[in-house]
Amino acid sequence: MTPDVNVLVAAYRPDHPHHQSARAWLDDAVLSAANGRASLMLLGTVVTGFLRITTSPKIFREIDPLQDLTDFVDSLLSCPGVQFQPQGATWPNLKQVCLTQHIGGNLLSDAWIAATVMQSGETLCTFDRDFSRLLPFSQFLLLKP
């Protein structure tokens, strides 16, 4: 499994309206990874988006200190079974998603995440319904708020 940006933000920020469901999913995913029942992969582009959103005063009135945010990511990566997946050779998947789904504009970041998920064989956990058109059903888990 791999969380989307919105799941990491909601899991981290207690003031987020979806905090409880995102945190419950993340805690369960970390436990499953530690027990070897499932993988938990943090994508580089998702971590970048997480840092971008949580440090933006346009999104949150009180932004989070970068040190706290990086400590959160490091704490996840220090758990057994949790891995970091930097972007690799996802261009063929990205090109296919963009061309077949006619993706442009704001959906390009989501297309990059979807291409990385397809390449890695992971399943994306998200609150964002847009991924239902970008990923096969078997690689997409929509959390309920």
N, C-alpha and C. Protein backbone atom coordinates (compact mmCIF):
# COMPACT_ATOMS: atom_id res chain seq x y z
N MET A 1 0.85 -1.18 0.00
CA MET A 1 0.00 0.00 0.00
C MET A 1 0.89 1.23 0.00
N THR A 2 0.34 2.31 -0.51
CA THR A 2 1.03 3.59 -0.48
C THR A 2 0.00 4.70 -0.28
N PRO A 3 0.26 5.61 0.66
CA PRO A 3 -0.70 6.69 0.88
C PRO A 3 -0.54 7.80 -0.13
N ASP A 4 -1.64 8.44 -0.44
CA ASP A 4 -1.64 9.64 -1.27
C ASP A 4 -1.29 10.83 -0.36
N VAL A 5 -1.03 11.97 -0.96
CA VAL A 5 -0.70 13.19 -0.22
C VAL A 5 -1.80 13.51 0.79
N ASN A 6 -3.06 13.44 0.34
CA ASN A 6 -4.16 13.84 1.21
C ASN A 6 -4.26 12.94 2.45
N VAL A 7 -3.89 11.69 2.33
CA VAL A 7 -3.93 10.77 3.47
C VAL A 7 -2.82 11.12 4.46
N LEU A 8 -1.61 11.40 3.97
CA LEU A 8 -0.52 11.78 4.88
C LEU A 8 -0.83 13.09 5.60
N VAL A 9 -1.35 14.07 4.88
CA VAL A 9 -1.68 15.35 5.50
C VAL A 9 -2.75 15.14 6.57
N ALA A 10 -3.79 14.42 6.24
CA ALA A 10 -4.88 14.19 7.21
C ALA A 10 -4.39 13.38 8.41
N ALA A 11 -3.54 12.40 8.18
CA ALA A 11 -3.02 11.58 9.28
C ALA A 11 -2.13 12.40 10.21
N TYR A 12 -1.41 13.35 9.65
CA TYR A 12 -0.48 14.15 10.45
C TYR A 12 -1.20 15.25 11.24
N ARG A 13 -2.14 15.93 10.61
CA ARG A 13 -2.76 17.11 11.23
C ARG A 13 -4.04 16.76 11.97
N PRO A 14 -4.02 16.88 13.31
CA PRO A 14 -5.21 16.56 14.10
C PRO A 14 -6.41 17.45 13.80
N ASP A 15 -6.16 18.65 13.22
CA ASP A 15 -7.25 19.56 12.89
C ASP A 15 -7.87 19.27 11.53
N HIS A 16 -7.36 18.30 10.82
CA HIS A 16 -7.90 17.94 9.50
C HIS A 16 -9.22 17.20 9.70
N PRO A 17 -10.24 17.50 8.88
CA PRO A 17 -11.54 16.83 9.06
C PRO A 17 -11.51 15.32 8.89
N HIS A 18 -10.51 14.79 8.17
CA HIS A 18 -10.43 13.35 7.96
C HIS A 18 -9.32 12.70 8.80
N HIS A 19 -8.88 13.41 9.85
CA HIS A 19 -7.74 12.94 10.64
C HIS A 19 -7.96 11.52 11.19
N GLN A 20 -9.11 11.29 11.80
CA GLN A 20 -9.32 9.99 12.46
C GLN A 20 -9.24 8.82 11.49
N SER A 21 -9.91 8.92 10.36
CA SER A 21 -9.89 7.80 9.42
C SER A 21 -8.51 7.64 8.78
N ALA A 22 -7.85 8.75 8.46
CA ALA A 22 -6.51 8.66 7.86
C ALA A 22 -5.49 8.12 8.85
N ARG A 23 -5.56 8.57 10.09
CA ARG A 23 -4.60 8.10 11.10
C ARG A 23 -4.82 6.62 11.40
N ALA A 24 -6.09 6.22 11.46
CA ALA A 24 -6.39 4.80 11.71
C ALA A 24 -5.83 3.94 10.58
N TRP A 25 -6.02 4.39 9.33
CA TRP A 25 -5.49 3.63 8.20
C TRP A 25 -3.97 3.57 8.25
N LEU A 26 -3.32 4.71 8.51
CA LEU A 26 -1.86 4.75 8.53
C LEU A 26 -1.30 3.88 9.66
N ASP A 27 -1.88 3.97 10.84
CA ASP A 27 -1.41 3.15 11.96
C ASP A 27 -1.55 1.66 11.64
N ASP A 28 -2.67 1.29 11.02
CA ASP A 28 -2.89 -0.10 10.63
C ASP A 28 -1.90 -0.53 9.54
N ALA A 29 -1.65 0.36 8.59
CA ALA A 29 -0.71 0.04 7.50
C ALA A 29 0.70 -0.14 8.04
N VAL A 30 1.11 0.70 8.99
CA VAL A 30 2.44 0.57 9.61
C VAL A 30 2.53 -0.75 10.36
N LEU A 31 1.50 -1.10 11.10
CA LEU A 31 1.48 -2.36 11.84
C LEU A 31 1.52 -3.56 10.89
N SER A 32 0.75 -3.49 9.82
CA SER A 32 0.75 -4.58 8.84
C SER A 32 2.12 -4.73 8.18
N ALA A 33 2.78 -3.60 7.89
CA ALA A 33 4.12 -3.65 7.30
C ALA A 33 5.12 -4.25 8.29
N ALA A 34 5.00 -3.86 9.54
CA ALA A 34 5.92 -4.37 10.57
C ALA A 34 5.75 -5.88 10.77
N ASN A 35 4.53 -6.35 10.60
CA ASN A 35 4.25 -7.79 10.77
C ASN A 35 4.46 -8.58 9.49
N GLY A 36 4.84 -7.91 8.41
CA GLY A 36 5.09 -8.58 7.15
C GLY A 36 3.83 -8.99 6.40
N ARG A 37 2.68 -8.48 6.82
CA ARG A 37 1.41 -8.82 6.15
C ARG A 37 1.18 -8.00 4.89
N ALA A 38 1.83 -6.83 4.82
CA ALA A 38 1.67 -5.94 3.66
C ALA A 38 2.88 -5.03 3.59
N SER A 39 3.06 -4.41 2.44
CA SER A 39 4.13 -3.42 2.30
C SER A 39 3.53 -2.04 2.54
N LEU A 40 4.37 -1.12 2.93
CA LEU A 40 3.97 0.28 3.02
C LEU A 40 5.08 1.09 2.36
N MET A 41 4.73 1.75 1.27
CA MET A 41 5.69 2.48 0.45
C MET A 41 5.33 3.96 0.47
N LEU A 42 6.30 4.80 0.80
CA LEU A 42 6.14 6.25 0.70
C LEU A 42 6.78 6.69 -0.61
N LEU A 43 5.99 7.30 -1.48
CA LEU A 43 6.49 7.77 -2.77
C LEU A 43 7.14 9.14 -2.60
N GLY A 44 8.24 9.36 -3.30
CA GLY A 44 8.94 10.64 -3.21
C GLY A 44 8.05 11.81 -3.56
N THR A 45 7.25 11.68 -4.59
CA THR A 45 6.38 12.78 -4.99
C THR A 45 5.29 13.04 -3.95
N VAL A 46 4.86 12.01 -3.24
CA VAL A 46 3.85 12.17 -2.18
C VAL A 46 4.47 12.88 -0.99
N VAL A 47 5.68 12.49 -0.60
CA VAL A 47 6.36 13.16 0.51
C VAL A 47 6.58 14.64 0.18
N THR A 48 6.98 14.93 -1.06
CA THR A 48 7.16 16.32 -1.49
C THR A 48 5.86 17.09 -1.38
N GLY A 49 4.76 16.50 -1.85
CA GLY A 49 3.45 17.15 -1.76
C GLY A 49 3.02 17.36 -0.33
N PHE A 50 3.28 16.38 0.52
CA PHE A 50 2.97 16.49 1.95
C PHE A 50 3.69 17.69 2.56
N LEU A 51 4.98 17.81 2.28
CA LEU A 51 5.76 18.93 2.81
C LEU A 51 5.27 20.26 2.23
N ARG A 52 4.94 20.27 0.93
CA ARG A 52 4.47 21.49 0.28
C ARG A 52 3.18 21.99 0.91
N ILE A 53 2.23 21.10 1.12
CA ILE A 53 0.91 21.49 1.64
C ILE A 53 0.99 21.89 3.11
N THR A 54 1.68 21.12 3.91
CA THR A 54 1.70 21.39 5.36
C THR A 54 2.55 22.60 5.74
N THR A 55 3.35 23.11 4.80
CA THR A 55 4.13 24.32 5.09
C THR A 55 3.57 25.55 4.36
N SER A 56 2.42 25.42 3.75
CA SER A 56 1.84 26.52 2.98
C SER A 56 0.87 27.35 3.83
N PRO A 57 1.20 28.63 4.04
CA PRO A 57 0.27 29.49 4.78
C PRO A 57 -1.01 29.79 4.00
N LYS A 58 -1.03 29.47 2.70
CA LYS A 58 -2.26 29.64 1.91
C LYS A 58 -3.25 28.52 2.20
N ILE A 59 -2.76 27.41 2.73
CA ILE A 59 -3.63 26.26 2.99
C ILE A 59 -3.98 26.17 4.48
N PHE A 60 -2.98 26.35 5.33
CA PHE A 60 -3.20 26.25 6.78
C PHE A 60 -2.83 27.57 7.44
N ARG A 61 -3.70 28.02 8.31
CA ARG A 61 -3.46 29.27 9.04
C ARG A 61 -2.16 29.16 9.84
N GLU A 62 -2.00 28.04 10.52
CA GLU A 62 -0.78 27.78 11.27
C GLU A 62 -0.04 26.64 10.56
N ILE A 63 1.09 26.98 9.96
CA ILE A 63 1.85 25.96 9.25
C ILE A 63 2.69 25.15 10.24
N ASP A 64 3.04 23.98 9.80
CA ASP A 64 3.84 23.09 10.63
C ASP A 64 5.33 23.38 10.42
N PRO A 65 6.12 23.30 11.50
CA PRO A 65 7.57 23.46 11.35
C PRO A 65 8.13 22.32 10.50
N LEU A 66 9.02 22.68 9.59
CA LEU A 66 9.60 21.69 8.69
C LEU A 66 10.29 20.56 9.47
N GLN A 67 10.92 20.87 10.59
CA GLN A 67 11.58 19.84 11.38
C GLN A 67 10.57 18.80 11.90
N ASP A 68 9.39 19.27 12.33
CA ASP A 68 8.35 18.34 12.80
C ASP A 68 7.86 17.44 11.66
N LEU A 69 7.73 18.04 10.49
CA LEU A 69 7.25 17.29 9.33
C LEU A 69 8.26 16.23 8.89
N THR A 70 9.52 16.62 8.83
CA THR A 70 10.54 15.65 8.43
C THR A 70 10.71 14.58 9.50
N ASP A 71 10.53 14.94 10.77
CA ASP A 71 10.57 13.94 11.85
C ASP A 71 9.44 12.92 11.68
N PHE A 72 8.26 13.41 11.27
CA PHE A 72 7.12 12.51 11.03
C PHE A 72 7.43 11.51 9.92
N VAL A 73 7.97 12.02 8.81
CA VAL A 73 8.32 11.14 7.69
C VAL A 73 9.41 10.17 8.13
N ASP A 74 10.43 10.68 8.83
CA ASP A 74 11.50 9.80 9.32
C ASP A 74 10.98 8.74 10.28
N SER A 75 10.00 9.11 11.11
CA SER A 75 9.46 8.13 12.05
C SER A 75 8.73 7.01 11.30
N LEU A 76 8.05 7.36 10.22
CA LEU A 76 7.40 6.33 9.41
C LEU A 76 8.44 5.43 8.75
N LEU A 77 9.49 6.07 8.20
CA LEU A 77 10.52 5.30 7.49
C LEU A 77 11.36 4.44 8.43
N SER A 78 11.35 4.77 9.71
CA SER A 78 12.11 3.95 10.67
C SER A 78 11.35 2.70 11.10
N CYS A 79 10.08 2.61 10.73
CA CYS A 79 9.27 1.43 11.10
C CYS A 79 9.64 0.26 10.19
N PRO A 80 9.69 -0.94 10.77
CA PRO A 80 9.98 -2.12 9.95
C PRO A 80 8.96 -2.27 8.83
N GLY A 81 9.44 -2.57 7.64
CA GLY A 81 8.56 -2.82 6.50
C GLY A 81 8.13 -1.58 5.74
N VAL A 82 8.47 -0.38 6.23
CA VAL A 82 8.12 0.86 5.54
C VAL A 82 9.32 1.27 4.69
N GLN A 83 9.04 1.57 3.42
CA GLN A 83 10.12 1.90 2.48
C GLN A 83 9.83 3.22 1.77
N PHE A 84 10.90 3.82 1.26
CA PHE A 84 10.80 5.03 0.46
C PHE A 84 11.05 4.67 -0.99
N GLN A 85 10.15 5.07 -1.87
CA GLN A 85 10.26 4.78 -3.30
C GLN A 85 10.47 6.07 -4.05
N PRO A 86 11.71 6.42 -4.37
CA PRO A 86 11.89 7.59 -5.22
C PRO A 86 11.38 7.28 -6.62
N GLN A 87 11.13 8.32 -7.38
CA GLN A 87 10.62 8.10 -8.73
C GLN A 87 11.68 7.40 -9.56
N GLY A 88 11.24 6.44 -10.28
CA GLY A 88 12.14 5.69 -11.14
C GLY A 88 11.72 5.85 -12.58
N ALA A 89 11.75 4.78 -13.29
CA ALA A 89 11.44 4.79 -14.73
C ALA A 89 9.94 4.73 -14.95
N THR A 90 9.24 5.77 -14.54
CA THR A 90 7.78 5.77 -14.65
C THR A 90 7.29 6.44 -15.92
N TRP A 91 8.18 6.96 -16.75
CA TRP A 91 7.75 7.69 -17.94
C TRP A 91 6.78 6.90 -18.82
N PRO A 92 7.06 5.63 -19.13
CA PRO A 92 6.09 4.92 -19.98
C PRO A 92 4.69 4.86 -19.36
N ASN A 93 4.61 4.63 -18.06
CA ASN A 93 3.30 4.60 -17.40
C ASN A 93 2.65 5.98 -17.38
N LEU A 94 3.44 7.01 -17.08
CA LEU A 94 2.91 8.36 -17.06
C LEU A 94 2.38 8.76 -18.43
N LYS A 95 3.16 8.48 -19.47
CA LYS A 95 2.74 8.80 -20.83
C LYS A 95 1.44 8.08 -21.17
N GLN A 96 1.35 6.80 -20.81
CA GLN A 96 0.14 6.02 -21.12
C GLN A 96 -1.08 6.60 -20.40
N VAL A 97 -0.94 6.90 -19.11
CA VAL A 97 -2.06 7.45 -18.34
C VAL A 97 -2.49 8.79 -18.94
N CYS A 98 -1.54 9.66 -19.22
CA CYS A 98 -1.87 10.99 -19.75
C CYS A 98 -2.55 10.91 -21.11
N LEU A 99 -2.05 10.05 -21.98
CA LEU A 99 -2.62 9.95 -23.32
C LEU A 99 -3.97 9.24 -23.34
N THR A 100 -4.10 8.15 -22.61
CA THR A 100 -5.36 7.41 -22.65
C THR A 100 -6.48 8.12 -21.89
N GLN A 101 -6.13 8.86 -20.85
CA GLN A 101 -7.14 9.55 -20.04
C GLN A 101 -7.23 11.05 -20.36
N HIS A 102 -6.42 11.52 -21.34
CA HIS A 102 -6.41 12.93 -21.73
C HIS A 102 -6.17 13.83 -20.51
N ILE A 103 -5.08 13.53 -19.80
CA ILE A 103 -4.75 14.22 -18.55
C ILE A 103 -3.90 15.45 -18.85
N GLY A 104 -4.22 16.52 -18.18
CA GLY A 104 -3.42 17.75 -18.25
C GLY A 104 -3.73 18.58 -17.02
N GLY A 105 -3.09 19.71 -16.91
CA GLY A 105 -3.36 20.65 -15.82
C GLY A 105 -3.14 20.06 -14.44
N ASN A 106 -4.11 20.30 -13.57
CA ASN A 106 -3.98 19.91 -12.17
C ASN A 106 -3.90 18.40 -11.95
N LEU A 107 -4.38 17.61 -12.90
CA LEU A 107 -4.33 16.16 -12.71
C LEU A 107 -2.96 15.55 -13.02
N LEU A 108 -2.03 16.35 -13.51
CA LEU A 108 -0.71 15.80 -13.86
C LEU A 108 0.02 15.24 -12.64
N SER A 109 -0.08 15.90 -11.50
CA SER A 109 0.56 15.37 -10.28
C SER A 109 -0.05 14.04 -9.90
N ASP A 110 -1.37 13.94 -9.99
CA ASP A 110 -2.04 12.67 -9.70
C ASP A 110 -1.62 11.60 -10.71
N ALA A 111 -1.46 11.99 -11.96
CA ALA A 111 -1.04 11.03 -12.98
C ALA A 111 0.36 10.50 -12.68
N TRP A 112 1.24 11.35 -12.19
CA TRP A 112 2.59 10.92 -11.83
C TRP A 112 2.53 9.92 -10.67
N ILE A 113 1.70 10.21 -9.67
CA ILE A 113 1.54 9.28 -8.55
C ILE A 113 0.98 7.96 -9.06
N ALA A 114 -0.04 8.02 -9.91
CA ALA A 114 -0.64 6.80 -10.45
C ALA A 114 0.38 5.99 -11.25
N ALA A 115 1.18 6.65 -12.05
CA ALA A 115 2.21 5.95 -12.84
C ALA A 115 3.22 5.26 -11.94
N THR A 116 3.62 5.92 -10.86
CA THR A 116 4.56 5.33 -9.91
C THR A 116 3.94 4.13 -9.20
N VAL A 117 2.66 4.25 -8.84
CA VAL A 117 1.95 3.14 -8.19
C VAL A 117 1.87 1.95 -9.14
N MET A 118 1.55 2.21 -10.42
CA MET A 118 1.47 1.11 -11.40
C MET A 118 2.82 0.43 -11.55
N GLN A 119 3.89 1.23 -11.61
CA GLN A 119 5.22 0.66 -11.77
C GLN A 119 5.62 -0.18 -10.57
N SER A 120 5.28 0.28 -9.37
CA SER A 120 5.70 -0.41 -8.15
C SER A 120 4.82 -1.61 -7.82
N GLY A 121 3.62 -1.66 -8.39
CA GLY A 121 2.69 -2.74 -8.08
C GLY A 121 1.97 -2.54 -6.76
N GLU A 122 2.09 -1.36 -6.17
CA GLU A 122 1.43 -1.06 -4.90
C GLU A 122 -0.04 -0.72 -5.12
N THR A 123 -0.76 -0.47 -4.03
CA THR A 123 -2.13 0.00 -4.06
C THR A 123 -2.15 1.36 -3.40
N LEU A 124 -2.76 2.35 -4.04
CA LEU A 124 -2.82 3.70 -3.51
C LEU A 124 -4.00 3.86 -2.58
N CYS A 125 -3.77 4.42 -1.40
CA CYS A 125 -4.82 4.75 -0.45
C CYS A 125 -5.02 6.26 -0.51
N THR A 126 -6.25 6.71 -0.76
CA THR A 126 -6.51 8.13 -0.98
C THR A 126 -7.94 8.49 -0.60
N PHE A 127 -8.18 9.79 -0.46
CA PHE A 127 -9.54 10.33 -0.35
C PHE A 127 -9.99 10.88 -1.70
N ASP A 128 -9.10 10.93 -2.67
CA ASP A 128 -9.31 11.60 -3.96
C ASP A 128 -9.93 10.65 -4.99
N ARG A 129 -11.17 10.90 -5.35
CA ARG A 129 -11.89 10.06 -6.32
C ARG A 129 -11.30 10.12 -7.73
N ASP A 130 -10.52 11.15 -8.03
CA ASP A 130 -9.92 11.26 -9.36
C ASP A 130 -9.06 10.05 -9.71
N PHE A 131 -8.49 9.40 -8.71
CA PHE A 131 -7.64 8.25 -8.98
C PHE A 131 -8.42 7.06 -9.51
N SER A 132 -9.74 7.06 -9.35
CA SER A 132 -10.54 5.95 -9.87
C SER A 132 -10.46 5.88 -11.39
N ARG A 133 -10.16 6.99 -12.04
CA ARG A 133 -10.02 6.96 -13.49
C ARG A 133 -8.56 6.79 -13.92
N LEU A 134 -7.63 6.89 -12.97
CA LEU A 134 -6.21 6.81 -13.30
C LEU A 134 -5.61 5.45 -12.99
N LEU A 135 -6.22 4.72 -12.09
CA LEU A 135 -5.65 3.43 -11.65
C LEU A 135 -6.65 2.30 -11.81
N PRO A 136 -6.16 1.11 -12.06
CA PRO A 136 -7.07 -0.05 -12.06
C PRO A 136 -7.65 -0.23 -10.65
N PHE A 137 -8.83 -0.78 -10.58
CA PHE A 137 -9.53 -0.99 -9.31
C PHE A 137 -8.65 -1.73 -8.30
N SER A 138 -7.86 -2.67 -8.77
CA SER A 138 -7.02 -3.48 -7.88
C SER A 138 -5.88 -2.68 -7.25
N GLN A 139 -5.61 -1.47 -7.76
CA GLN A 139 -4.51 -0.66 -7.22
C GLN A 139 -5.01 0.64 -6.60
N PHE A 140 -6.26 0.65 -6.16
CA PHE A 140 -6.89 1.88 -5.70
C PHE A 140 -7.79 1.58 -4.51
N LEU A 141 -7.55 2.28 -3.38
CA LEU A 141 -8.38 2.14 -2.19
C LEU A 141 -8.85 3.53 -1.79
N LEU A 142 -10.15 3.78 -1.90
CA LEU A 142 -10.72 5.06 -1.55
C LEU A 142 -11.17 5.01 -0.09
N LEU A 143 -10.53 5.83 0.76
CA LEU A 143 -10.92 5.90 2.16
C LEU A 143 -12.19 6.73 2.30
N LYS A 144 -13.01 6.36 3.25
CA LYS A 144 -14.19 7.15 3.57
C LYS A 144 -13.81 8.12 4.67
N PRO A 145 -14.19 9.39 4.50
CA PRO A 145 -13.86 10.41 5.53
C PRO A 145 -14.49 10.11 6.87
